[in-house]
C-alpha atoms as a PDB file:
ATOM      1  CA  MET A   1     114.417 100.550  69.867  1.00  0.00           C
ATOM      2  CA  ILE A   2     117.030 101.397  72.611  1.00  0.00           C
ATOM      3  CA  ALA A   3     114.901 102.620  75.596  1.00  0.00           C
ATOM      4  CA  SER A   4     116.459 105.833  77.233  1.00  0.00           C
ATOM      5  CA  THR A   5     115.811 107.785  80.590  1.00  0.00           C
ATOM      6  CA  THR A   6     115.374 111.373  79.469  1.00  0.00           C
ATOM      7  CA  PRO A   7     116.638 114.352  81.497  1.00  0.00           C
ATOM      8  CA  SER A   8     112.894 114.914  82.707  1.00  0.00           C
ATOM      9  CA  SER A   9     112.142 112.030  84.212  1.00  0.00           C
ATOM     10  CA  ALA A  10     115.890 111.497  85.853  1.00  0.00           C
ATOM     11  CA  ALA A  11     114.923 114.467  87.407  1.00  0.00           C
ATOM     12  CA  THR A  12     111.602 113.248  88.244  1.00  0.00           C
ATOM     13  CA  ASP A  13     113.374 110.246  89.913  1.00  0.00           C
ATOM     14  CA  THR A  14     116.086 112.375  91.810  1.00  0.00           C
ATOM     15  CA  ARG A  15     113.369 114.077  93.301  1.00  0.00           C
ATOM     16  CA  LEU A  16     111.422 111.119  94.247  1.00  0.00           C
ATOM     17  CA  GLY A  17     114.839 109.788  95.895  1.00  0.00           C
ATOM     18  CA  ILE A  18     114.946 112.480  97.930  1.00  0.00           C
ATOM     19  CA  LEU A  19     111.665 112.929  98.986  1.00  0.00           C
ATOM     20  CA  LEU A  20     111.696 109.159  99.882  1.00  0.00           C
ATOM     21  CA  MET A  21     115.071 109.057 102.052  1.00  0.00           C
ATOM     22  CA  LEU A  22     113.340 112.172 104.245  1.00  0.00           C
ATOM     23  CA  LEU A  23     110.527 110.158 104.400  1.00  0.00           C
ATOM     24  CA  GLY A  24     112.825 106.874 105.744  1.00  0.00           C
ATOM     25  CA  MET A  25     114.639 109.389 108.152  1.00  0.00           C
ATOM     26  CA  SER A  26     111.465 110.379 108.911  1.00  0.00           C
ATOM     27  CA  LEU A  27     109.694 106.985 110.096  1.00  0.00           C
ATOM     28  CA  PHE A  28     113.416 106.318 111.667  1.00  0.00           C
ATOM     29  CA  THR A  29     113.339 108.890 113.843  1.00  0.00           C
ATOM     30  CA  VAL A  30     109.674 107.905 114.779  1.00  0.00           C
ATOM     31  CA  ASN A  31     110.737 104.343 115.276  1.00  0.00           C
ATOM     32  CA  ASP A  32     113.305 105.710 117.799  1.00  0.00           C
ATOM     33  CA  ALA A  33     110.907 108.126 119.761  1.00  0.00           C
ATOM     34  CA  LEU A  34     108.790 105.436 120.362  1.00  0.00           C
ATOM     35  CA  GLY A  35     111.287 103.264 121.799  1.00  0.00           C
ATOM     36  CA  LYS A  36     112.609 106.033 124.214  1.00  0.00           C
ATOM     37  CA  TRP A  37     108.663 106.607 125.459  1.00  0.00           C
ATOM     38  CA  LEU A  38     108.059 102.947 125.924  1.00  0.00           C
ATOM     39  CA  VAL A  39     111.493 101.632 127.516  1.00  0.00           C
ATOM     40  CA  ALA A  40     110.761 103.954 130.203  1.00  0.00           C
ATOM     41  CA  ASP A  41     107.662 101.058 131.281  1.00  0.00           C
ATOM     42  CA  TYR A  42     108.985  98.166 129.532  1.00  0.00           C
ATOM     43  CA  PRO A  43     112.008  96.170 129.375  1.00  0.00           C
ATOM     44  CA  VAL A  44     114.533  96.175 125.852  1.00  0.00           C
ATOM     45  CA  ALA A  45     113.745  92.454 125.749  1.00  0.00           C
ATOM     46  CA  MET A  46     110.236  93.137 125.298  1.00  0.00           C
ATOM     47  CA  LEU A  47     110.619  96.023 122.679  1.00  0.00           C
ATOM     48  CA  LEU A  48     113.149  93.777 120.497  1.00  0.00           C
ATOM     49  CA  ALA A  49     111.317  90.983 120.575  1.00  0.00           C
ATOM     50  CA  ILE A  50     107.210  92.889 119.726  1.00  0.00           C
ATOM     51  CA  ARG A  51     108.884  94.880 117.185  1.00  0.00           C
ATOM     52  CA  SER A  52     110.582  91.794 115.795  1.00  0.00           C
ATOM     53  CA  LEU A  53     106.819  89.939 115.778  1.00  0.00           C
ATOM     54  CA  PHE A  54     105.154  92.578 114.097  1.00  0.00           C
ATOM     55  CA  GLY A  55     107.682  93.150 111.190  1.00  0.00           C
ATOM     56  CA  ALA A  56     107.858  89.506 110.905  1.00  0.00           C
ATOM     57  CA  MET A  57     104.291  89.581 109.857  1.00  0.00           C
ATOM     58  CA  LEU A  58     104.980  92.159 107.293  1.00  0.00           C
ATOM     59  CA  LEU A  59     107.902  89.611 105.951  1.00  0.00           C
ATOM     60  CA  VAL A  60     106.216  86.521 105.483  1.00  0.00           C
ATOM     61  CA  PRO A  61     104.349  86.884 102.536  1.00  0.00           C
ATOM     62  CA  LEU A  62     107.215  88.367 100.754  1.00  0.00           C
ATOM     63  CA  ILE A  63     109.140  85.194 102.018  1.00  0.00           C
ATOM     64  CA  LEU A  64     106.351  83.135 100.925  1.00  0.00           C
ATOM     65  CA  ARG A  65     106.472  84.323  97.521  1.00  0.00           C
ATOM     66  CA  GLU A  66     110.384  84.444  96.976  1.00  0.00           C
ATOM     67  CA  GLY A  67     110.427  80.821  98.748  1.00  0.00           C
ATOM     68  CA  MET A  68     111.903  79.914 102.073  1.00  0.00           C
ATOM     69  CA  ARG A  69     115.087  78.348 100.474  1.00  0.00           C
ATOM     70  CA  SER A  70     116.392  81.043  98.473  1.00  0.00           C
ATOM     71  CA  VAL A  71     115.698  83.740 101.470  1.00  0.00           C
ATOM     72  CA  PHE A  72     117.517  81.678 104.238  1.00  0.00           C
ATOM     73  CA  ALA A  73     119.718  78.997 102.819  1.00  0.00           C
ATOM     74  CA  VAL A  74     122.766  81.609 102.358  1.00  0.00           C
ATOM     75  CA  LYS A  75     126.538  80.828 101.807  1.00  0.00           C
ATOM     76  CA  ARG A  76     127.824  82.593 104.904  1.00  0.00           C
ATOM     77  CA  LEU A  77     126.000  81.632 107.576  1.00  0.00           C
ATOM     78  CA  PRO A  78     128.245  82.790 110.575  1.00  0.00           C
ATOM     79  CA  LEU A  79     128.257  85.789 108.848  1.00  0.00           C
ATOM     80  CA  HIS A  80     124.837  86.707 108.888  1.00  0.00           C
ATOM     81  CA  LEU A  81     124.365  85.489 112.374  1.00  0.00           C
ATOM     82  CA  LEU A  82     127.666  87.744 113.341  1.00  0.00           C
ATOM     83  CA  ARG A  83     125.372  90.744 111.921  1.00  0.00           C
ATOM     84  CA  VAL A  84     122.022  89.714 113.487  1.00  0.00           C
ATOM     85  CA  GLY A  85     124.260  89.780 116.908  1.00  0.00           C
ATOM     86  CA  CYS A  86     125.076  92.994 115.860  1.00  0.00           C
ATOM     87  CA  VAL A  87     121.874  94.644 115.218  1.00  0.00           C
ATOM     88  CA  ALA A  88     120.391  93.126 117.989  1.00  0.00           C
ATOM     89  CA  GLY A  89     123.265  94.449 120.591  1.00  0.00           C
ATOM     90  CA  GLU A  90     123.168  98.570 118.901  1.00  0.00           C
ATOM     91  CA  VAL A  91     118.707  98.343 118.841  1.00  0.00           C
ATOM     92  CA  ALA A  92     119.240  97.423 122.695  1.00  0.00           C
ATOM     93  CA  CYS A  93     122.146  99.486 123.527  1.00  0.00           C
ATOM     94  CA  PHE A  94     120.408 102.385 122.119  1.00  0.00           C
ATOM     95  CA  TYR A  95     116.977 102.140 123.949  1.00  0.00           C
ATOM     96  CA  TRP A  96     118.890 101.696 126.905  1.00  0.00           C
ATOM     97  CA  ALA A  97     120.678 104.719 126.164  1.00  0.00           C
ATOM     98  CA  VAL A  98     117.921 106.838 125.066  1.00  0.00           C
ATOM     99  CA  ARG A  99     116.077 105.636 128.780  1.00  0.00           C
ATOM    100  CA  SER A 100     118.751 108.322 130.395  1.00  0.00           C
ATOM    101  CA  LEU A 101     119.898 110.418 127.740  1.00  0.00           C
ATOM    102  CA  PRO A 102     118.095 112.632 125.148  1.00  0.00           C
ATOM    103  CA  LEU A 103     117.201 111.520 121.887  1.00  0.00           C
ATOM    104  CA  ALA A 104     119.738 113.732 119.861  1.00  0.00           C
ATOM    105  CA  ASN A 105     122.173 112.972 122.069  1.00  0.00           C
ATOM    106  CA  VAL A 106     122.091 109.150 121.235  1.00  0.00           C
ATOM    107  CA  MET A 107     121.409 109.769 117.879  1.00  0.00           C
ATOM    108  CA  THR A 108     124.357 111.977 117.252  1.00  0.00           C
ATOM    109  CA  ILE A 109     126.566 109.349 118.491  1.00  0.00           C
ATOM    110  CA  TYR A 110     125.645 107.068 116.430  1.00  0.00           C
ATOM    111  CA  MET A 111     126.087 109.154 113.515  1.00  0.00           C
ATOM    112  CA  ALA A 112     129.772 108.722 114.080  1.00  0.00           C
ATOM    113  CA  ALA A 113     129.492 105.118 112.661  1.00  0.00           C
ATOM    114  CA  PRO A 114     130.459 105.746 109.043  1.00  0.00           C
ATOM    115  CA  LEU A 115     133.752 107.284 111.234  1.00  0.00           C
ATOM    116  CA  ILE A 116     134.307 103.991 112.643  1.00  0.00           C
ATOM    117  CA  VAL A 117     133.524 101.808 109.931  1.00  0.00           C
ATOM    118  CA  THR A 118     136.179 104.281 107.897  1.00  0.00           C
ATOM    119  CA  ALA A 119     138.622 103.516 110.447  1.00  0.00           C
ATOM    120  CA  LEU A 120     137.935  99.534 111.199  1.00  0.00           C
ATOM    121  CA  SER A 121     137.572  99.182 106.870  1.00  0.00           C
ATOM    122  CA  VAL A 122     141.983  99.454 107.269  1.00  0.00           C
ATOM    123  CA  PRO A 123     142.254  95.928 109.515  1.00  0.00           C
ATOM    124  CA  LEU A 124     138.942  94.182 109.321  1.00  0.00           C
ATOM    125  CA  LEU A 125     138.249  95.052 104.940  1.00  0.00           C
ATOM    126  CA  GLY A 126     142.118  95.622 103.723  1.00  0.00           C
ATOM    127  CA  GLU A 127     141.376  99.204 102.380  1.00  0.00           C
ATOM    128  CA  LYS A 128     143.364 101.750 102.041  1.00  0.00           C
ATOM    129  CA  VAL A 129     142.580 105.003 104.019  1.00  0.00           C
ATOM    130  CA  GLY A 130     144.178 108.251 102.693  1.00  0.00           C
ATOM    131  CA  TRP A 131     145.286 110.962 104.952  1.00  0.00           C
ATOM    132  CA  ARG A 132     142.559 113.488 104.640  1.00  0.00           C
ATOM    133  CA  ARG A 133     139.567 110.507 105.252  1.00  0.00           C
ATOM    134  CA  TRP A 134     141.688 110.069 108.567  1.00  0.00           C
ATOM    135  CA  ALA A 135     142.076 113.541 109.589  1.00  0.00           C
ATOM    136  CA  ALA A 136     138.128 113.623 109.203  1.00  0.00           C
ATOM    137  CA  VAL A 137     137.788 110.498 111.349  1.00  0.00           C
ATOM    138  CA  VAL A 138     139.604 112.252 113.846  1.00  0.00           C
ATOM    139  CA  VAL A 139     137.890 115.305 113.899  1.00  0.00           C
ATOM    140  CA  GLY A 140     134.306 113.013 114.007  1.00  0.00           C
ATOM    141  CA  PHE A 141     135.744 111.566 117.124  1.00  0.00           C
ATOM    142  CA  ALA A 142     136.600 114.953 118.686  1.00  0.00           C
ATOM    143  CA  GLY A 143     132.384 115.841 118.112  1.00  0.00           C
ATOM    144  CA  VAL A 144     132.105 112.552 119.964  1.00  0.00           C
ATOM    145  CA  VAL A 145     134.095 113.373 122.844  1.00  0.00           C
ATOM    146  CA  ILE A 146     132.426 117.016 123.035  1.00  0.00           C
ATOM    147  CA  VAL A 147     128.906 115.362 122.780  1.00  0.00           C
ATOM    148  CA  LEU A 148     130.014 113.040 125.453  1.00  0.00           C
ATOM    149  CA  ASN A 149     131.608 115.699 127.581  1.00  0.00           C
ATOM    150  CA  PRO A 150     133.815 113.564 130.207  1.00  0.00           C
ATOM    151  CA  THR A 151     134.687 116.560 131.471  1.00  0.00           C
ATOM    152  CA  GLY A 152     131.446 118.059 132.905  1.00  0.00           C
ATOM    153  CA  GLN A 153     128.210 116.031 133.803  1.00  0.00           C
ATOM    154  CA  PHE A 154     128.878 112.998 132.221  1.00  0.00           C
ATOM    155  CA  ASP A 155     126.250 110.068 132.370  1.00  0.00           C
ATOM    156  CA  ALA A 156     128.687 107.768 132.499  1.00  0.00           C
ATOM    157  CA  VAL A 157     126.881 104.351 132.200  1.00  0.00           C
ATOM    158  CA  PRO A 158     124.227 105.494 129.119  1.00  0.00           C
ATOM    159  CA  SER A 159     126.905 107.369 127.474  1.00  0.00           C
ATOM    160  CA  LEU A 160     129.109 104.299 127.389  1.00  0.00           C
ATOM    161  CA  VAL A 161     126.626 102.040 126.051  1.00  0.00           C
ATOM    162  CA  ALA A 162     125.656 104.509 123.466  1.00  0.00           C
ATOM    163  CA  LEU A 163     129.505 104.687 122.573  1.00  0.00           C
ATOM    164  CA  PHE A 164     129.684 100.924 122.792  1.00  0.00           C
ATOM    165  CA  GLY A 165     126.261 100.647 120.660  1.00  0.00           C
ATOM    166  CA  THR A 166     127.989 102.701 117.850  1.00  0.00           C
ATOM    167  CA  LEU A 167     130.608 100.336 117.556  1.00  0.00           C
ATOM    168  CA  VAL A 168     128.606  97.295 117.605  1.00  0.00           C
ATOM    169  CA  PHE A 169     126.508  99.176 115.134  1.00  0.00           C
ATOM    170  CA  SER A 170     129.382  99.815 112.916  1.00  0.00           C
ATOM    171  CA  THR A 171     130.773  96.093 112.862  1.00  0.00           C
ATOM    172  CA  GLY A 172     127.169  95.237 111.881  1.00  0.00           C
ATOM    173  CA  LEU A 173     127.630  97.560 108.786  1.00  0.00           C
ATOM    174  CA  ILE A 174     130.851  96.274 108.084  1.00  0.00           C
ATOM    175  CA  SER A 175     129.622  92.689 107.904  1.00  0.00           C
ATOM    176  CA  THR A 176     126.697  93.792 105.782  1.00  0.00           C
ATOM    177  CA  ARG A 177     129.286  94.976 103.333  1.00  0.00           C
ATOM    178  CA  LEU A 178     130.988  91.638 103.355  1.00  0.00           C
ATOM    179  CA  LEU A 179     127.589  90.436 102.264  1.00  0.00           C
ATOM    180  CA  ARG A 180     126.743  92.542  99.350  1.00  0.00           C
ATOM    181  CA  ASP A 181     125.970  89.316  97.613  1.00  0.00           C
ATOM    182  CA  SER A 182     122.732  88.460  99.717  1.00  0.00           C
ATOM    183  CA  SER A 183     119.612  89.826  98.781  1.00  0.00           C
ATOM    184  CA  ASN A 184     117.949  92.440 101.082  1.00  0.00           C
ATOM    185  CA  LEU A 185     115.154  90.100 101.601  1.00  0.00           C
ATOM    186  CA  SER A 186     117.507  87.618 103.449  1.00  0.00           C
ATOM    187  CA  LEU A 187     119.453  90.466 104.951  1.00  0.00           C
ATOM    188  CA  VAL A 188     116.455  92.178 106.446  1.00  0.00           C
ATOM    189  CA  SER A 189     114.416  88.267 107.101  1.00  0.00           C
ATOM    190  CA  PHE A 190     117.317  87.149 109.084  1.00  0.00           C
ATOM    191  CA  GLN A 191     117.498  90.682 111.212  1.00  0.00           C
ATOM    192  CA  THR A 192     114.050  90.676 112.098  1.00  0.00           C
ATOM    193  CA  PHE A 193     113.673  86.854 113.046  1.00  0.00           C
ATOM    194  CA  GLY A 194     117.317  87.049 114.847  1.00  0.00           C
ATOM    195  CA  THR A 195     116.169  89.963 116.720  1.00  0.00           C
ATOM    196  CA  GLY A 196     112.871  88.394 117.805  1.00  0.00           C
ATOM    197  CA  LEU A 197     114.581  85.301 119.050  1.00  0.00           C
ATOM    198  CA  LEU A 198     117.368  86.868 120.960  1.00  0.00           C
ATOM    199  CA  GLY A 199     114.552  89.350 122.132  1.00  0.00           C
ATOM    200  CA  GLY A 200     111.820  86.530 122.890  1.00  0.00           C
ATOM    201  CA  ALA A 201     114.221  84.057 125.033  1.00  0.00           C
ATOM    202  CA  ALA A 202     114.286  86.841 127.338  1.00  0.00           C
ATOM    203  CA  LEU A 203     110.910  87.233 127.644  1.00  0.00           C
ATOM    204  CA  PRO A 204     109.499  84.565 130.500  1.00  0.00           C
ATOM    205  CA  LEU A 205     112.143  86.521 132.779  1.00  0.00           C
ATOM    206  CA  VAL A 206     111.178  89.922 132.067  1.00  0.00           C
ATOM    207  CA  TRP A 207     107.109  90.338 130.413  1.00  0.00           C
ATOM    208  CA  VAL A 208     105.405  92.885 131.583  1.00  0.00           C
ATOM    209  CA  PRO A 209     101.393  92.742 130.146  1.00  0.00           C
ATOM    210  CA  PRO A 210     101.114  95.747 128.001  1.00  0.00           C
ATOM    211  CA  PRO A 211      98.063  97.019 127.623  1.00  0.00           C
ATOM    212  CA  GLY A 212      96.076  97.064 123.896  1.00  0.00           C
ATOM    213  CA  LEU A 213      97.308 100.469 122.793  1.00  0.00           C
ATOM    214  CA  ASP A 214     100.781 100.118 124.337  1.00  0.00           C
ATOM    215  CA  PHE A 215     100.793  96.512 122.244  1.00  0.00           C
ATOM    216  CA  LEU A 216      99.849  98.708 119.256  1.00  0.00           C
ATOM    217  CA  LEU A 217     102.752 101.195 119.461  1.00  0.00           C
ATOM    218  CA  LEU A 218     105.558  98.231 120.324  1.00  0.00           C
ATOM    219  CA  GLY A 219     104.271  96.959 117.339  1.00  0.00           C
ATOM    220  CA  ALA A 220     104.354  99.995 115.567  1.00  0.00           C
ATOM    221  CA  LEU A 221     108.372 100.105 116.355  1.00  0.00           C
ATOM    222  CA  GLY A 222     108.266  96.836 113.947  1.00  0.00           C
ATOM    223  CA  VAL A 223     105.839  98.602 111.016  1.00  0.00           C
ATOM    224  CA  THR A 224     107.913 101.744 111.219  1.00  0.00           C
ATOM    225  CA  ALA A 225     111.554 100.157 111.106  1.00  0.00           C
ATOM    226  CA  LEU A 226     110.809  97.966 107.810  1.00  0.00           C
ATOM    227  CA  ALA A 227     108.690 101.143 106.545  1.00  0.00           C
ATOM    228  CA  GLY A 228     112.337 103.306 107.094  1.00  0.00           C
ATOM    229  CA  HIS A 229     114.016 100.770 105.265  1.00  0.00           C
ATOM    230  CA  ALA A 230     112.110 100.287 102.358  1.00  0.00           C
ATOM    231  CA  ALA A 231     112.060 104.088 101.665  1.00  0.00           C
ATOM    232  CA  MET A 232     115.415 104.301 102.268  1.00  0.00           C
ATOM    233  CA  ASN A 233     116.635 101.311  99.934  1.00  0.00           C
ATOM    234  CA  ARG A 234     114.243 102.485  97.273  1.00  0.00           C
ATOM    235  CA  SER A 235     115.354 105.825  97.230  1.00  0.00           C
ATOM    236  CA  LEU A 236     118.850 104.596  96.788  1.00  0.00           C
ATOM    237  CA  GLN A 237     117.890 102.841  93.597  1.00  0.00           C
ATOM    238  CA  LEU A 238     116.257 106.123  92.175  1.00  0.00           C
ATOM    239  CA  SER A 239     118.649 108.316  92.955  1.00  0.00           C
ATOM    240  CA  PRO A 240     122.627 108.822  93.028  1.00  0.00           C
ATOM    241  CA  ALA A 241     123.881 108.324  96.669  1.00  0.00           C
ATOM    242  CA  ALA A 242     125.868 111.398  96.195  1.00  0.00           C
ATOM    243  CA  VAL A 243     122.734 113.363  96.182  1.00  0.00           C
ATOM    244  CA  VAL A 244     120.547 111.179  98.836  1.00  0.00           C
ATOM    245  CA  VAL A 245     123.019 110.377 101.349  1.00  0.00           C
ATOM    246  CA  PRO A 246     123.179 113.700 102.857  1.00  0.00           C
ATOM    247  CA  PHE A 247     119.691 113.777 103.733  1.00  0.00           C
ATOM    248  CA  GLN A 248     120.327 110.938 106.133  1.00  0.00           C
ATOM    249  CA  TYR A 249     121.311 113.757 108.938  1.00  0.00           C
ATOM    250  CA  VAL A 250     117.662 115.092 108.667  1.00  0.00           C
ATOM    251  CA  SER A 251     117.148 112.578 111.666  1.00  0.00           C
ATOM    252  CA  ILE A 252     119.001 114.514 114.143  1.00  0.00           C
ATOM    253  CA  ILE A 253     116.943 117.847 113.239  1.00  0.00           C
ATOM    254  CA  TRP A 254     113.628 115.869 113.976  1.00  0.00           C
ATOM    255  CA  ALA A 255     114.994 114.231 116.975  1.00  0.00           C
ATOM    256  CA  VAL A 256     115.793 117.929 118.581  1.00  0.00           C
ATOM    257  CA  VAL A 257     112.526 118.916 117.489  1.00  0.00           C
ATOM    258  CA  LEU A 258     110.681 115.331 118.912  1.00  0.00           C
ATOM    259  CA  ASP A 259     112.700 116.114 122.189  1.00  0.00           C
ATOM    260  CA  LEU A 260     111.543 119.776 122.554  1.00  0.00           C
ATOM    261  CA  LEU A 261     107.887 118.895 121.985  1.00  0.00           C
ATOM    262  CA  VAL A 262     107.869 115.331 123.813  1.00  0.00           C
ATOM    263  CA  TRP A 263     110.053 115.573 126.450  1.00  0.00           C
ATOM    264  CA  GLY A 264     111.141 119.586 127.050  1.00  0.00           C
ATOM    265  CA  THR A 265     114.620 118.903 126.451  1.00  0.00           C
ATOM    266  CA  ALA A 266     116.313 121.487 124.443  1.00  0.00           C
ATOM    267  CA  PRO A 267     120.072 120.650 122.855  1.00  0.00           C
ATOM    268  CA  THR A 268     122.831 122.130 124.592  1.00  0.00           C
ATOM    269  CA  LEU A 269     125.465 124.022 122.564  1.00  0.00           C
ATOM    270  CA  ARG A 270     128.144 121.321 123.190  1.00  0.00           C
ATOM    271  CA  ILE A 271     125.819 118.512 121.314  1.00  0.00           C
ATOM    272  CA  ILE A 272     125.445 121.266 118.611  1.00  0.00           C
ATOM    273  CA  VAL A 273     128.960 121.559 118.122  1.00  0.00           C
ATOM    274  CA  GLY A 274     129.418 118.201 118.401  1.00  0.00           C
ATOM    275  CA  ALA A 275     127.082 117.067 115.980  1.00  0.00           C
ATOM    276  CA  LEU A 276     128.031 119.254 113.160  1.00  0.00           C
ATOM    277  CA  LEU A 277     131.495 118.263 113.809  1.00  0.00           C
ATOM    278  CA  ILE A 278     130.227 114.530 113.424  1.00  0.00           C
ATOM    279  CA  ILE A 279     128.206 114.909 110.302  1.00  0.00           C
ATOM    280  CA  GLY A 280     130.821 117.598 108.314  1.00  0.00           C
ATOM    281  CA  SER A 281     133.640 114.760 108.917  1.00  0.00           C
ATOM    282  CA  GLY A 282     130.985 112.173 107.740  1.00  0.00           C
ATOM    283  CA  LEU A 283     129.960 114.299 104.541  1.00  0.00           C
ATOM    284  CA  PHE A 284     133.385 114.641 103.826  1.00  0.00           C
ATOM    285  CA  VAL A 285     134.624 111.321 104.000  1.00  0.00           C
ATOM    286  CA  PHE A 286     131.641 110.258 102.359  1.00  0.00           C
ATOM    287  CA  HIS A 287     131.924 112.555  99.133  1.00  0.00           C
ATOM    288  CA  ARG A 288     135.551 111.624  99.473  1.00  0.00           C
ATOM    289  CA  GLU A 289     135.003 108.149  98.697  1.00  0.00           C
ATOM    290  CA  GLN A 290     133.041 108.691  95.799  1.00  0.00           C
ATOM    291  CA  ALA A 291     135.405 111.089  94.433  1.00  0.00           C
ATOM    292  CA  LEU A 292     138.010 108.184  94.816  1.00  0.00           C
ATOM    293  CA  ASN A 293     135.639 105.829  93.017  1.00  0.00           C
ATOM    294  CA  ARG A 294     134.760 107.919  90.460  1.00  0.00           C
ATOM    295  CA  GLY A 295     138.249 108.682  89.532  1.00  0.00           C
ATOM    296  CA  ALA A 296     139.302 104.963  89.803  1.00  0.00           C
ATOM    297  CA  ALA A 297     136.383 104.151  87.326  1.00  0.00           C
ATOM    298  CA  ALA A 298     137.796 106.767  84.871  1.00  0.00           C
ATOM    299  CA  GLU A 299     141.027 105.305  84.774  1.00  0.00           C
ATOM    300  CA  ALA A 300     139.601 101.738  84.093  1.00  0.00           C
ATOM    301  CA  ASN A 301     137.789 103.383  81.405  1.00  0.00           C
ATOM    302  CA  ALA A 302     140.760 105.042  80.083  1.00  0.00           C
ATOM    303  CA  SER A 303     143.126 101.775  80.192  1.00  0.00           C
ATOM    304  CA  GLY A 304     140.312 100.138  78.288  1.00  0.00           C
ATOM    305  CA  GLY A 305     137.610  97.647  79.234  1.00  0.00           C
ATOM    306  CA  PRO A 306     136.627  94.073  77.814  1.00  0.00           C
ATOM    307  CA  GLY A 307     136.747  94.185  74.114  1.00  0.00           C
ATOM    308  CA  ALA A 308     138.345  97.901  73.774  1.00  0.00           C
END
């Protein structure tokens, strides 16, 4: 008997995928808000080290089940190490920037990462980008400029740190593309343990003894980050990317709500306009890539595949 997926089960998977993506983005936003709250009292290196410690505790049972060798004996170690550096760098830049800027501002700048990946994919990956996507990239970068507001009240250092962090984040995304043959457990384990080692190396110089509640909040950074990744990855397994990826931008809404409720900061008109340009451009680039992939697949099927 050949198993088939019924329309009702497919619809259920799609709805569950959307809910999991919303859950994942909510957890990431909680993680970012916790980071903004804690970085006011603790050094960035402490946040990196303790969040990684709690994340590693959750990963150890999975690593032992899979086997240390299968998780850490990877083929492209230098690329894995580059990715670890990118992950640690972009998280450190994010925490450093939100110490001075509203959460929504920094998250909006980071949302430009897919556009930077599109631009960098030409020289680094040898991919071809058509004029429509280049136009979307330009519009998205205009949104970043509006958010940064260089001709008005410009918090130069934290804004530039956020922009640099976005570039580092984009480089990490490209390295993840190049490591697509590595398991998700290997990628998460490398970034968790690697980030912990980098943050831990600075602990003797910057350690501030946290009270019990703060230590648990620092640990919650690792738990929410791992849980968010798990929810997002499961979402992409259950539902088509074209359906669930747009829901990633809901994190901007949660960031605005938390800015209002926790820090009493409302988004300015330029933040709203810049966010709309960045999000709109990112969605256009994503759906354009989906359309091109479908067209390439249809052309390959029409020309005949193996056994045709």
